[in-house]
Amino acid sequence: MALFSKKAETKNETAVKAGTPSVSGGHDLSHILRHARITEKASQHMERSVYVFDVADRATKTEIRAAVRKLYSVIPAKVRIASVPAKTKRNSRTGKTGSTKGGKKAYVYLKKGETINL
């Protein structure tokens, strides 16, 4: 019964898959795309293979491109970002003013013939 004896160290090497590099440093990309923006204007864009998403405030074009590629299995041709400004609204019953939250939206352009099922 040796209390202080050295144990043989075993090397546990983790195998890294060669064909699958981590996208965006291994971040969880499901929080980048919040939801699809379904409006009349967005539905007109869908006919031309342009999809509109509400995205996280700090999302970049490369993160949005990687998230669309991962979640919908399509490769975007182009990504454009627009800021949505916060607006002040007045309550008609009480007369108090408040503000709606602003944010970001992303226009994701696909190649002709590619679609996303929303």
PDB file of N, CA and C in Angstrom:
ATOM      1  N   MET A   1       0.834  -1.173   0.000  1.00  0.00           N
ATOM      2  CA  MET A   1       0.000   0.000   0.000  1.00  0.00           C
ATOM      3  C   MET A   1       0.881   1.238   0.000  1.00  0.00           C
ATOM      4  N   ALA A   2       1.154   1.713  -1.155  1.00  0.00           N
ATOM      5  CA  ALA A   2       2.029   2.868  -1.289  1.00  0.00           C
ATOM      6  C   ALA A   2       1.176   4.111  -1.481  1.00  0.00           C
ATOM      7  N   LEU A   3       1.172   4.961  -0.479  1.00  0.00           N
ATOM      8  CA  LEU A   3       0.357   6.171  -0.562  1.00  0.00           C
ATOM      9  C   LEU A   3       0.976   7.232  -1.452  1.00  0.00           C
ATOM     10  N   PHE A   4       2.278   7.307  -1.439  1.00  0.00           N
ATOM     11  CA  PHE A   4       2.934   8.391  -2.154  1.00  0.00           C
ATOM     12  C   PHE A   4       3.677   7.915  -3.389  1.00  0.00           C
ATOM     13  N   SER A   5       3.320   6.779  -3.903  1.00  0.00           N
ATOM     14  CA  SER A   5       4.012   6.283  -5.080  1.00  0.00           C
ATOM     15  C   SER A   5       3.495   6.987  -6.325  1.00  0.00           C
ATOM     16  N   LYS A   6       4.351   7.083  -7.307  1.00  0.00           N
ATOM     17  CA  LYS A   6       3.969   7.733  -8.559  1.00  0.00           C
ATOM     18  C   LYS A   6       3.196   6.756  -9.424  1.00  0.00           C
ATOM     19  N   LYS A   7       2.130   7.259  -9.998  1.00  0.00           N
ATOM     20  CA  LYS A   7       1.355   6.442 -10.920  1.00  0.00           C
ATOM     21  C   LYS A   7       1.876   6.666 -12.328  1.00  0.00           C
ATOM     22  N   ALA A   8       1.746   5.667 -13.132  1.00  0.00           N
ATOM     23  CA  ALA A   8       2.171   5.802 -14.516  1.00  0.00           C
ATOM     24  C   ALA A   8       1.225   6.763 -15.226  1.00  0.00           C
ATOM     25  N   GLU A   9       1.794   7.790 -15.818  1.00  0.00           N
ATOM     26  CA  GLU A   9       0.972   8.794 -16.495  1.00  0.00           C
ATOM     27  C   GLU A   9       0.549   8.271 -17.859  1.00  0.00           C
ATOM     28  N   THR A  10      -0.720   8.387 -18.129  1.00  0.00           N
ATOM     29  CA  THR A  10      -1.230   7.967 -19.428  1.00  0.00           C
ATOM     30  C   THR A  10      -1.545   9.205 -20.244  1.00  0.00           C
ATOM     31  N   LYS A  11      -1.194   9.150 -21.484  1.00  0.00           N
ATOM     32  CA  LYS A  11      -1.439  10.287 -22.369  1.00  0.00           C
ATOM     33  C   LYS A  11      -2.773  10.091 -23.074  1.00  0.00           C
ATOM     34  N   ASN A  12      -3.669  11.020 -22.847  1.00  0.00           N
ATOM     35  CA  ASN A  12      -4.961  10.993 -23.527  1.00  0.00           C
ATOM     36  C   ASN A  12      -4.932  12.053 -24.617  1.00  0.00           C
ATOM     37  N   GLU A  13      -4.690  11.624 -25.816  1.00  0.00           N
ATOM     38  CA  GLU A  13      -4.635  12.558 -26.933  1.00  0.00           C
ATOM     39  C   GLU A  13      -6.021  12.661 -27.554  1.00  0.00           C
ATOM     40  N   THR A  14      -6.469  13.876 -27.710  1.00  0.00           N
ATOM     41  CA  THR A  14      -7.770  14.083 -28.337  1.00  0.00           C
ATOM     42  C   THR A  14      -7.564  14.198 -29.834  1.00  0.00           C
ATOM     43  N   ALA A  15      -8.322  13.436 -30.552  1.00  0.00           N
ATOM     44  CA  ALA A  15      -8.215  13.439 -32.003  1.00  0.00           C
ATOM     45  C   ALA A  15      -9.054  14.575 -32.569  1.00  0.00           C
ATOM     46  N   VAL A  16      -8.450  15.377 -33.421  1.00  0.00           N
ATOM     47  CA  VAL A  16      -9.148  16.474 -34.072  1.00  0.00           C
ATOM     48  C   VAL A  16      -9.515  16.019 -35.470  1.00  0.00           C
ATOM     49  N   LYS A  17     -10.776  16.200 -35.815  1.00  0.00           N
ATOM     50  CA  LYS A  17     -11.213  15.813 -37.146  1.00  0.00           C
ATOM     51  C   LYS A  17     -10.581  16.755 -38.162  1.00  0.00           C
ATOM     52  N   ALA A  18      -9.979  16.195 -39.187  1.00  0.00           N
ATOM     53  CA  ALA A  18      -9.231  16.995 -40.145  1.00  0.00           C
ATOM     54  C   ALA A  18     -10.136  17.791 -41.076  1.00  0.00           C
ATOM     55  N   GLY A  19     -11.295  17.281 -41.412  1.00  0.00           N
ATOM     56  CA  GLY A  19     -12.130  17.921 -42.422  1.00  0.00           C
ATOM     57  C   GLY A  19     -13.074  18.978 -41.903  1.00  0.00           C
ATOM     58  N   THR A  20     -13.190  19.159 -40.583  1.00  0.00           N
ATOM     59  CA  THR A  20     -14.174  20.099 -40.065  1.00  0.00           C
ATOM     60  C   THR A  20     -13.516  21.154 -39.185  1.00  0.00           C
ATOM     61  N   PRO A  21     -13.078  22.270 -39.767  1.00  0.00           N
ATOM     62  CA  PRO A  21     -12.533  23.342 -38.939  1.00  0.00           C
ATOM     63  C   PRO A  21     -13.651  24.052 -38.198  1.00  0.00           C
ATOM     64  N   SER A  22     -13.335  24.576 -37.035  1.00  0.00           N
ATOM     65  CA  SER A  22     -14.360  25.274 -36.262  1.00  0.00           C
ATOM     66  C   SER A  22     -14.659  26.611 -36.921  1.00  0.00           C
ATOM     67  N   VAL A  23     -15.922  26.954 -36.975  1.00  0.00           N
ATOM     68  CA  VAL A  23     -16.354  28.182 -37.617  1.00  0.00           C
ATOM     69  C   VAL A  23     -16.406  29.276 -36.562  1.00  0.00           C
ATOM     70  N   SER A  24     -15.824  30.407 -36.850  1.00  0.00           N
ATOM     71  CA  SER A  24     -15.871  31.588 -36.000  1.00  0.00           C
ATOM     72  C   SER A  24     -15.321  31.303 -34.610  1.00  0.00           C
ATOM     73  N   GLY A  25     -14.235  30.559 -34.544  1.00  0.00           N
ATOM     74  CA  GLY A  25     -13.578  30.317 -33.275  1.00  0.00           C
ATOM     75  C   GLY A  25     -14.347  29.422 -32.333  1.00  0.00           C
ATOM     76  N   GLY A  26     -15.289  28.635 -32.822  1.00  0.00           N
ATOM     77  CA  GLY A  26     -16.023  27.717 -31.978  1.00  0.00           C
ATOM     78  C   GLY A  26     -17.184  28.345 -31.240  1.00  0.00           C
ATOM     79  N   HIS A  27     -17.622  29.529 -31.634  1.00  0.00           N
ATOM     80  CA  HIS A  27     -18.753  30.170 -30.971  1.00  0.00           C
ATOM     81  C   HIS A  27     -20.051  29.486 -31.370  1.00  0.00           C
ATOM     82  N   ASP A  28     -21.060  29.613 -30.524  1.00  0.00           N
ATOM     83  CA  ASP A  28     -22.377  29.076 -30.824  1.00  0.00           C
ATOM     84  C   ASP A  28     -23.072  30.049 -31.768  1.00  0.00           C
ATOM     85  N   LEU A  29     -23.305  29.630 -33.001  1.00  0.00           N
ATOM     86  CA  LEU A  29     -23.831  30.531 -34.023  1.00  0.00           C
ATOM     87  C   LEU A  29     -25.350  30.606 -34.034  1.00  0.00           C
ATOM     88  N   SER A  30     -26.011  29.828 -33.182  1.00  0.00           N
ATOM     89  CA  SER A  30     -27.469  29.862 -33.192  1.00  0.00           C
ATOM     90  C   SER A  30     -28.022  31.154 -32.598  1.00  0.00           C
ATOM     91  N   HIS A  31     -27.213  31.901 -31.858  1.00  0.00           N
ATOM     92  CA  HIS A  31     -27.679  33.157 -31.270  1.00  0.00           C
ATOM     93  C   HIS A  31     -27.439  34.353 -32.183  1.00  0.00           C
ATOM     94  N   ILE A  32     -26.767  34.147 -33.297  1.00  0.00           N
ATOM     95  CA  ILE A  32     -26.506  35.244 -34.231  1.00  0.00           C
ATOM     96  C   ILE A  32     -27.787  35.612 -34.965  1.00  0.00           C
ATOM     97  N   LEU A  33     -28.465  34.623 -35.549  1.00  0.00           N
ATOM     98  CA  LEU A  33     -29.727  34.867 -36.242  1.00  0.00           C
ATOM     99  C   LEU A  33     -30.859  34.740 -35.238  1.00  0.00           C
ATOM    100  N   ARG A  34     -31.545  35.832 -34.950  1.00  0.00           N
ATOM    101  CA  ARG A  34     -32.631  35.761 -33.967  1.00  0.00           C
ATOM    102  C   ARG A  34     -33.870  35.134 -34.584  1.00  0.00           C
ATOM    103  N   HIS A  35     -34.370  35.710 -35.665  1.00  0.00           N
ATOM    104  CA  HIS A  35     -35.508  35.136 -36.380  1.00  0.00           C
ATOM    105  C   HIS A  35     -35.607  35.811 -37.741  1.00  0.00           C
ATOM    106  N   ALA A  36     -36.357  35.180 -38.628  1.00  0.00           N
ATOM    107  CA  ALA A  36     -36.570  35.750 -39.955  1.00  0.00           C
ATOM    108  C   ALA A  36     -37.522  36.932 -39.839  1.00  0.00           C
ATOM    109  N   ARG A  37     -37.274  37.950 -40.616  1.00  0.00           N
ATOM    110  CA  ARG A  37     -38.100  39.151 -40.598  1.00  0.00           C
ATOM    111  C   ARG A  37     -39.154  38.983 -41.690  1.00  0.00           C
ATOM    112  N   ILE A  38     -40.392  38.710 -41.293  1.00  0.00           N
ATOM    113  CA  ILE A  38     -41.468  38.449 -42.246  1.00  0.00           C
ATOM    114  C   ILE A  38     -42.314  39.709 -42.369  1.00  0.00           C
ATOM    115  N   THR A  39     -42.087  40.454 -43.427  1.00  0.00           N
ATOM    116  CA  THR A  39     -42.869  41.647 -43.734  1.00  0.00           C
ATOM    117  C   THR A  39     -43.244  41.589 -45.206  1.00  0.00           C
ATOM    118  N   GLU A  40     -44.031  42.551 -45.638  1.00  0.00           N
ATOM    119  CA  GLU A  40     -44.416  42.585 -47.048  1.00  0.00           C
ATOM    120  C   GLU A  40     -43.196  42.826 -47.935  1.00  0.00           C
ATOM    121  N   LYS A  41     -42.336  43.724 -47.498  1.00  0.00           N
ATOM    122  CA  LYS A  41     -41.129  44.012 -48.266  1.00  0.00           C
ATOM    123  C   LYS A  41     -40.192  42.801 -48.287  1.00  0.00           C
ATOM    124  N   ALA A  42     -40.076  42.110 -47.158  1.00  0.00           N
ATOM    125  CA  ALA A  42     -39.201  40.935 -47.092  1.00  0.00           C
ATOM    126  C   ALA A  42     -39.725  39.801 -47.962  1.00  0.00           C
ATOM    127  N   SER A  43     -41.052  39.656 -48.045  1.00  0.00           N
ATOM    128  CA  SER A  43     -41.603  38.598 -48.894  1.00  0.00           C
ATOM    129  C   SER A  43     -41.388  38.907 -50.373  1.00  0.00           C
ATOM    130  N   GLN A  44     -41.342  40.178 -50.739  1.00  0.00           N
ATOM    131  CA  GLN A  44     -41.006  40.533 -52.117  1.00  0.00           C
ATOM    132  C   GLN A  44     -39.537  40.230 -52.406  1.00  0.00           C
ATOM    133  N   HIS A  45     -38.683  40.415 -51.417  1.00  0.00           N
ATOM    134  CA  HIS A  45     -37.267  40.087 -51.585  1.00  0.00           C
ATOM    135  C   HIS A  45     -37.056  38.584 -51.727  1.00  0.00           C
ATOM    136  N   MET A  46     -37.891  37.777 -51.063  1.00  0.00           N
ATOM    137  CA  MET A  46     -37.729  36.324 -51.120  1.00  0.00           C
ATOM    138  C   MET A  46     -37.905  35.785 -52.535  1.00  0.00           C
ATOM    139  N   GLU A  47     -38.692  36.472 -53.351  1.00  0.00           N
ATOM    140  CA  GLU A  47     -38.876  36.040 -54.738  1.00  0.00           C
ATOM    141  C   GLU A  47     -37.589  36.185 -55.536  1.00  0.00           C
ATOM    142  N   ARG A  48     -36.685  37.064 -55.071  1.00  0.00           N
ATOM    143  CA  ARG A  48     -35.408  37.286 -55.749  1.00  0.00           C
ATOM    144  C   ARG A  48     -34.240  36.655 -54.991  1.00  0.00           C
ATOM    145  N   SER A  49     -34.525  35.664 -54.141  1.00  0.00           N
ATOM    146  CA  SER A  49     -33.523  34.930 -53.360  1.00  0.00           C
ATOM    147  C   SER A  49     -32.748  35.831 -52.405  1.00  0.00           C
ATOM    148  N   VAL A  50     -33.459  36.787 -51.801  1.00  0.00           N
ATOM    149  CA  VAL A  50     -32.880  37.635 -50.763  1.00  0.00           C
ATOM    150  C   VAL A  50     -33.720  37.430 -49.511  1.00  0.00           C
ATOM    151  N   TYR A  51     -33.080  37.034 -48.418  1.00  0.00           N
ATOM    152  CA  TYR A  51     -33.786  36.747 -47.174  1.00  0.00           C
ATOM    153  C   TYR A  51     -33.351  37.745 -46.113  1.00  0.00           C
ATOM    154  N   VAL A  52     -34.310  38.178 -45.287  1.00  0.00           N
ATOM    155  CA  VAL A  52     -34.054  39.200 -44.281  1.00  0.00           C
ATOM    156  C   VAL A  52     -34.187  38.562 -42.899  1.00  0.00           C
ATOM    157  N   PHE A  53     -33.181  38.780 -42.051  1.00  0.00           N
ATOM    158  CA  PHE A  53     -33.156  38.238 -40.699  1.00  0.00           C
ATOM    159  C   PHE A  53     -32.901  39.354 -39.700  1.00  0.00           C
ATOM    160  N   ASP A  54     -33.529  39.257 -38.521  1.00  0.00           N
ATOM    161  CA  ASP A  54     -33.126  40.076 -37.390  1.00  0.00           C
ATOM    162  C   ASP A  54     -31.935  39.377 -36.760  1.00  0.00           C
ATOM    163  N   VAL A  55     -30.863  40.122 -36.531  1.00  0.00           N
ATOM    164  CA  VAL A  55     -29.637  39.521 -36.025  1.00  0.00           C
ATOM    165  C   VAL A  55     -29.232  40.194 -34.717  1.00  0.00           C
ATOM    166  N   ALA A  56     -28.271  39.605 -34.041  1.00  0.00           N
ATOM    167  CA  ALA A  56     -27.763  40.161 -32.789  1.00  0.00           C
ATOM    168  C   ALA A  56     -27.101  41.508 -33.057  1.00  0.00           C
ATOM    169  N   ASP A  57     -27.105  42.368 -32.044  1.00  0.00           N
ATOM    170  CA  ASP A  57     -26.594  43.726 -32.214  1.00  0.00           C
ATOM    171  C   ASP A  57     -25.105  43.762 -32.550  1.00  0.00           C
ATOM    172  N   ARG A  58     -24.344  42.810 -32.064  1.00  0.00           N
ATOM    173  CA  ARG A  58     -22.899  42.803 -32.302  1.00  0.00           C
ATOM    174  C   ARG A  58     -22.485  41.822 -33.393  1.00  0.00           C
ATOM    175  N   ALA A  59     -23.423  41.318 -34.166  1.00  0.00           N
ATOM    176  CA  ALA A  59     -23.107  40.337 -35.208  1.00  0.00           C
ATOM    177  C   ALA A  59     -22.387  41.009 -36.372  1.00  0.00           C
ATOM    178  N   THR A  60     -21.427  40.306 -36.937  1.00  0.00           N
ATOM    179  CA  THR A  60     -20.701  40.800 -38.096  1.00  0.00           C
ATOM    180  C   THR A  60     -21.138  40.019 -39.335  1.00  0.00           C
ATOM    181  N   LYS A  61     -20.700  40.498 -40.492  1.00  0.00           N
ATOM    182  CA  LYS A  61     -21.083  39.833 -41.742  1.00  0.00           C
ATOM    183  C   LYS A  61     -20.541  38.408 -41.809  1.00  0.00           C
ATOM    184  N   THR A  62     -19.322  38.206 -41.349  1.00  0.00           N
ATOM    185  CA  THR A  62     -18.745  36.865 -41.409  1.00  0.00           C
ATOM    186  C   THR A  62     -19.464  35.910 -40.464  1.00  0.00           C
ATOM    187  N   GLU A  63     -19.884  36.383 -39.295  1.00  0.00           N
ATOM    188  CA  GLU A  63     -20.633  35.527 -38.373  1.00  0.00           C
ATOM    189  C   GLU A  63     -22.007  35.191 -38.933  1.00  0.00           C
ATOM    190  N   ILE A  64     -22.652  36.157 -39.589  1.00  0.00           N
ATOM    191  CA  ILE A  64     -23.966  35.915 -40.192  1.00  0.00           C
ATOM    192  C   ILE A  64     -23.835  34.911 -41.331  1.00  0.00           C
ATOM    193  N   ARG A  65     -22.803  35.075 -42.153  1.00  0.00           N
ATOM    194  CA  ARG A  65     -22.574  34.151 -43.259  1.00  0.00           C
ATOM    195  C   ARG A  65     -22.347  32.732 -42.736  1.00  0.00           C
ATOM    196  N   ALA A  66     -21.563  32.591 -41.680  1.00  0.00           N
ATOM    197  CA  ALA A  66     -21.292  31.269 -41.105  1.00  0.00           C
ATOM    198  C   ALA A  66     -22.541  30.672 -40.464  1.00  0.00           C
ATOM    199  N   ALA A  67     -23.370  31.505 -39.833  1.00  0.00           N
ATOM    200  CA  ALA A  67     -24.590  31.005 -39.190  1.00  0.00           C
ATOM    201  C   ALA A  67     -25.595  30.514 -40.226  1.00  0.00           C
ATOM    202  N   VAL A  68     -25.741  31.239 -41.333  1.00  0.00           N
ATOM    203  CA  VAL A  68     -26.660  30.811 -42.396  1.00  0.00           C
ATOM    204  C   VAL A  68     -26.153  29.522 -43.025  1.00  0.00           C
ATOM    205  N   ARG A  69     -24.852  29.433 -43.216  1.00  0.00           N
ATOM    206  CA  ARG A  69     -24.269  28.223 -43.797  1.00  0.00           C
ATOM    207  C   ARG A  69     -24.509  27.021 -42.884  1.00  0.00           C
ATOM    208  N   LYS A  70     -24.379  27.214 -41.577  1.00  0.00           N
ATOM    209  CA  LYS A  70     -24.530  26.106 -40.634  1.00  0.00           C
ATOM    210  C   LYS A  70     -25.992  25.723 -40.429  1.00  0.00           C
ATOM    211  N   LEU A  71     -26.879  26.703 -40.243  1.00  0.00           N
ATOM    212  CA  LEU A  71     -28.263  26.411 -39.886  1.00  0.00           C
ATOM    213  C   LEU A  71     -29.127  26.020 -41.080  1.00  0.00           C
ATOM    214  N   TYR A  72     -28.860  26.602 -42.259  1.00  0.00           N
ATOM    215  CA  TYR A  72     -29.722  26.354 -43.414  1.00  0.00           C
ATOM    216  C   TYR A  72     -29.029  25.584 -44.535  1.00  0.00           C
ATOM    217  N   SER A  73     -27.759  25.280 -44.403  1.00  0.00           N
ATOM    218  CA  SER A  73     -26.986  24.490 -45.377  1.00  0.00           C
ATOM    219  C   SER A  73     -26.982  25.108 -46.766  1.00  0.00           C
ATOM    220  N   VAL A  74     -26.893  26.426 -46.833  1.00  0.00           N
ATOM    221  CA  VAL A  74     -26.719  27.130 -48.100  1.00  0.00           C
ATOM    222  C   VAL A  74     -25.566  28.112 -47.930  1.00  0.00           C
ATOM    223  N   ILE A  75     -24.914  28.436 -49.031  1.00  0.00           N
ATOM    224  CA  ILE A  75     -23.789  29.362 -48.985  1.00  0.00           C
ATOM    225  C   ILE A  75     -24.256  30.718 -49.509  1.00  0.00           C
ATOM    226  N   PRO A  76     -24.265  31.756 -48.677  1.00  0.00           N
ATOM    227  CA  PRO A  76     -24.704  33.075 -49.130  1.00  0.00           C
ATOM    228  C   PRO A  76     -23.713  33.679 -50.117  1.00  0.00           C
ATOM    229  N   ALA A  77     -24.247  34.322 -51.148  1.00  0.00           N
ATOM    230  CA  ALA A  77     -23.397  35.016 -52.108  1.00  0.00           C
ATOM    231  C   ALA A  77     -22.963  36.366 -51.558  1.00  0.00           C
ATOM    232  N   LYS A  78     -23.836  37.011 -50.792  1.00  0.00           N
ATOM    233  CA  LYS A  78     -23.540  38.344 -50.271  1.00  0.00           C
ATOM    234  C   LYS A  78     -24.378  38.571 -49.020  1.00  0.00           C
ATOM    235  N   VAL A  79     -23.852  39.340 -48.080  1.00  0.00           N
ATOM    236  CA  VAL A  79     -24.574  39.699 -46.858  1.00  0.00           C
ATOM    237  C   VAL A  79     -24.470  41.201 -46.681  1.00  0.00           C
ATOM    238  N   ARG A  80     -25.599  41.843 -46.460  1.00  0.00           N
ATOM    239  CA  ARG A  80     -25.629  43.280 -46.170  1.00  0.00           C
ATOM    240  C   ARG A  80     -26.313  43.485 -44.828  1.00  0.00           C
ATOM    241  N   ILE A  81     -25.847  44.469 -44.068  1.00  0.00           N
ATOM    242  CA  ILE A  81     -26.379  44.740 -42.736  1.00  0.00           C
ATOM    243  C   ILE A  81     -26.942  46.151 -42.700  1.00  0.00           C
ATOM    244  N   ALA A  82     -28.103  46.299 -42.046  1.00  0.00           N
ATOM    245  CA  ALA A  82     -28.711  47.619 -41.853  1.00  0.00           C
ATOM    246  C   ALA A  82     -29.095  47.771 -40.390  1.00  0.00           C
ATOM    247  N   SER A  83     -28.909  48.969 -39.865  1.00  0.00           N
ATOM    248  CA  SER A  83     -29.305  49.256 -38.487  1.00  0.00           C
ATOM    249  C   SER A  83     -30.768  49.642 -38.457  1.00  0.00           C
ATOM    250  N   VAL A  84     -31.489  49.141 -37.466  1.00  0.00           N
ATOM    251  CA  VAL A  84     -32.887  49.498 -37.267  1.00  0.00           C
ATOM    252  C   VAL A  84     -32.919  50.474 -36.089  1.00  0.00           C
ATOM    253  N   PRO A  85     -33.318  51.721 -36.314  1.00  0.00           N
ATOM    254  CA  PRO A  85     -33.269  52.697 -35.222  1.00  0.00           C
ATOM    255  C   PRO A  85     -34.385  52.474 -34.208  1.00  0.00           C
ATOM    256  N   ALA A  86     -34.125  52.867 -32.972  1.00  0.00           N
ATOM    257  CA  ALA A  86     -35.154  52.827 -31.932  1.00  0.00           C
ATOM    258  C   ALA A  86     -36.141  53.961 -32.186  1.00  0.00           C
ATOM    259  N   LYS A  87     -37.405  53.720 -31.890  1.00  0.00           N
ATOM    260  CA  LYS A  87     -38.431  54.735 -32.133  1.00  0.00           C
ATOM    261  C   LYS A  87     -39.139  55.066 -30.832  1.00  0.00           C
ATOM    262  N   THR A  88     -39.604  56.300 -30.726  1.00  0.00           N
ATOM    263  CA  THR A  88     -40.400  56.672 -29.558  1.00  0.00           C
ATOM    264  C   THR A  88     -41.868  56.502 -29.910  1.00  0.00           C
ATOM    265  N   LYS A  89     -42.593  55.882 -29.010  1.00  0.00           N
ATOM    266  CA  LYS A  89     -44.024  55.642 -29.200  1.00  0.00           C
ATOM    267  C   LYS A  89     -44.774  56.260 -28.030  1.00  0.00           C
ATOM    268  N   ARG A  90     -45.995  56.711 -28.310  1.00  0.00           N
ATOM    269  CA  ARG A  90     -46.826  57.301 -27.267  1.00  0.00           C
ATOM    270  C   ARG A  90     -48.012  56.400 -27.014  1.00  0.00           C
ATOM    271  N   ASN A  91     -48.301  56.153 -25.760  1.00  0.00           N
ATOM    272  CA  ASN A  91     -49.454  55.358 -25.380  1.00  0.00           C
ATOM    273  C   ASN A  91     -50.689  56.247 -25.487  1.00  0.00           C
ATOM    274  N   SER A  92     -51.675  55.828 -26.260  1.00  0.00           N
ATOM    275  CA  SER A  92     -52.841  56.683 -26.496  1.00  0.00           C
ATOM    276  C   SER A  92     -53.735  56.793 -25.263  1.00  0.00           C
ATOM    277  N   ARG A  93     -53.693  55.804 -24.388  1.00  0.00           N
ATOM    278  CA  ARG A  93     -54.549  55.836 -23.201  1.00  0.00           C
ATOM    279  C   ARG A  93     -53.958  56.711 -22.098  1.00  0.00           C
ATOM    280  N   THR A  94     -52.676  56.524 -21.803  1.00  0.00           N
ATOM    281  CA  THR A  94     -52.068  57.270 -20.700  1.00  0.00           C
ATOM    282  C   THR A  94     -51.317  58.507 -21.158  1.00  0.00           C
ATOM    283  N   GLY A  95     -50.937  58.558 -22.408  1.00  0.00           N
ATOM    284  CA  GLY A  95     -50.193  59.702 -22.922  1.00  0.00           C
ATOM    285  C   GLY A  95     -48.701  59.630 -22.655  1.00  0.00           C
ATOM    286  N   LYS A  96     -48.238  58.576 -21.997  1.00  0.00           N
ATOM    287  CA  LYS A  96     -46.816  58.453 -21.702  1.00  0.00           C
ATOM    288  C   LYS A  96     -46.066  58.006 -22.946  1.00  0.00           C
ATOM    289  N   THR A  97     -44.828  58.434 -23.038  1.00  0.00           N
ATOM    290  CA  THR A  97     -44.005  58.035 -24.170  1.00  0.00           C
ATOM    291  C   THR A  97     -43.012  56.978 -23.722  1.00  0.00           C
ATOM    292  N   GLY A  98     -42.751  56.082 -24.610  1.00  0.00           N
ATOM    293  CA  GLY A  98     -41.770  55.032 -24.381  1.00  0.00           C
ATOM    294  C   GLY A  98     -40.985  54.837 -25.659  1.00  0.00           C
ATOM    295  N   SER A  99     -40.104  53.881 -25.663  1.00  0.00           N
ATOM    296  CA  SER A  99     -39.312  53.662 -26.864  1.00  0.00           C
ATOM    297  C   SER A  99     -39.287  52.179 -27.203  1.00  0.00           C
ATOM    298  N   THR A 100     -39.261  51.909 -28.492  1.00  0.00           N
ATOM    299  CA  THR A 100     -39.108  50.542 -28.964  1.00  0.00           C
ATOM    300  C   THR A 100     -37.621  50.267 -29.134  1.00  0.00           C
ATOM    301  N   LYS A 101     -37.260  49.020 -29.037  1.00  0.00           N
ATOM    302  CA  LYS A 101     -35.857  48.656 -29.130  1.00  0.00           C
ATOM    303  C   LYS A 101     -35.423  48.651 -30.590  1.00  0.00           C
ATOM    304  N   GLY A 102     -34.273  49.193 -30.857  1.00  0.00           N
ATOM    305  CA  GLY A 102     -33.699  49.132 -32.194  1.00  0.00           C
ATOM    306  C   GLY A 102     -32.976  47.812 -32.372  1.00  0.00           C
ATOM    307  N   GLY A 103     -32.125  47.732 -33.348  1.00  0.00           N
ATOM    308  CA  GLY A 103     -31.367  46.504 -33.557  1.00  0.00           C
ATOM    309  C   GLY A 103     -30.690  46.502 -34.909  1.00  0.00           C
ATOM    310  N   LYS A 104     -30.489  45.308 -35.426  1.00  0.00           N
ATOM    311  CA  LYS A 104     -29.851  45.118 -36.722  1.00  0.00           C
ATOM    312  C   LYS A 104     -30.653  44.128 -37.532  1.00  0.00           C
ATOM    313  N   LYS A 105     -30.649  44.327 -38.832  1.00  0.00           N
ATOM    314  CA  LYS A 105     -31.212  43.327 -39.728  1.00  0.00           C
ATOM    315  C   LYS A 105     -30.191  43.042 -40.813  1.00  0.00           C
ATOM    316  N   ALA A 106     -30.245  41.837 -41.328  1.00  0.00           N
ATOM    317  CA  ALA A 106     -29.282  41.412 -42.332  1.00  0.00           C
ATOM    318  C   ALA A 106     -30.021  40.931 -43.566  1.00  0.00           C
ATOM    319  N   TYR A 107     -29.571  41.398 -44.717  1.00  0.00           N
ATOM    320  CA  TYR A 107     -30.068  40.923 -46.006  1.00  0.00           C
ATOM    321  C   TYR A 107     -29.082  39.865 -46.495  1.00  0.00           C
ATOM    322  N   VAL A 108     -29.572  38.634 -46.672  1.00  0.00           N
ATOM    323  CA  VAL A 108     -28.735  37.519 -47.103  1.00  0.00           C
ATOM    324  C   VAL A 108     -29.102  37.186 -48.537  1.00  0.00           C
ATOM    325  N   TYR A 109     -28.156  37.369 -49.448  1.00  0.00           N
ATOM    326  CA  TYR A 109     -28.363  37.115 -50.873  1.00  0.00           C
ATOM    327  C   TYR A 109     -27.872  35.710 -51.201  1.00  0.00           C
ATOM    328  N   LEU A 110     -28.716  34.935 -51.884  1.00  0.00           N
ATOM    329  CA  LEU A 110     -28.346  33.588 -52.306  1.00  0.00           C
ATOM    330  C   LEU A 110     -28.192  33.553 -53.817  1.00  0.00           C
ATOM    331  N   LYS A 111     -27.586  32.487 -54.311  1.00  0.00           N
ATOM    332  CA  LYS A 111     -27.469  32.303 -55.754  1.00  0.00           C
ATOM    333  C   LYS A 111     -28.836  31.962 -56.323  1.00  0.00           C
ATOM    334  N   LYS A 112     -29.010  32.160 -57.618  1.00  0.00           N
ATOM    335  CA  LYS A 112     -30.291  31.856 -58.253  1.00  0.00           C
ATOM    336  C   LYS A 112     -30.594  30.376 -58.125  1.00  0.00           C
ATOM    337  N   GLY A 113     -31.837  30.080 -57.758  1.00  0.00           N
ATOM    338  CA  GLY A 113     -32.265  28.700 -57.614  1.00  0.00           C
ATOM    339  C   GLY A 113     -32.169  28.162 -56.198  1.00  0.00           C
ATOM    340  N   GLU A 114     -31.366  28.789 -55.331  1.00  0.00           N
ATOM    341  CA  GLU A 114     -31.259  28.336 -53.947  1.00  0.00           C
ATOM    342  C   GLU A 114     -32.347  28.991 -53.108  1.00  0.00           C
ATOM    343  N   THR A 115     -32.913  28.228 -52.183  1.00  0.00           N
ATOM    344  CA  THR A 115     -33.966  28.753 -51.323  1.00  0.00           C
ATOM    345  C   THR A 115     -33.715  28.320 -49.886  1.00  0.00           C
ATOM    346  N   ILE A 116     -34.364  29.029 -48.964  1.00  0.00           N
ATOM    347  CA  ILE A 116     -34.356  28.686 -47.550  1.00  0.00           C
ATOM    348  C   ILE A 116     -35.800  28.471 -47.142  1.00  0.00           C
ATOM    349  N   ASN A 117     -36.089  27.358 -46.480  1.00  0.00           N
ATOM    350  CA  ASN A 117     -37.440  27.108 -45.980  1.00  0.00           C
ATOM    351  C   ASN A 117     -37.576  27.736 -44.602  1.00  0.00           C
ATOM    352  N   LEU A 118     -38.396  28.776 -44.516  1.00  0.00           N
ATOM    353  CA  LEU A 118     -38.559  29.478 -43.236  1.00  0.00           C
ATOM    354  C   LEU A 118     -39.759  28.977 -42.494  1.00  0.00           C
TER     355      LEU A 118
END
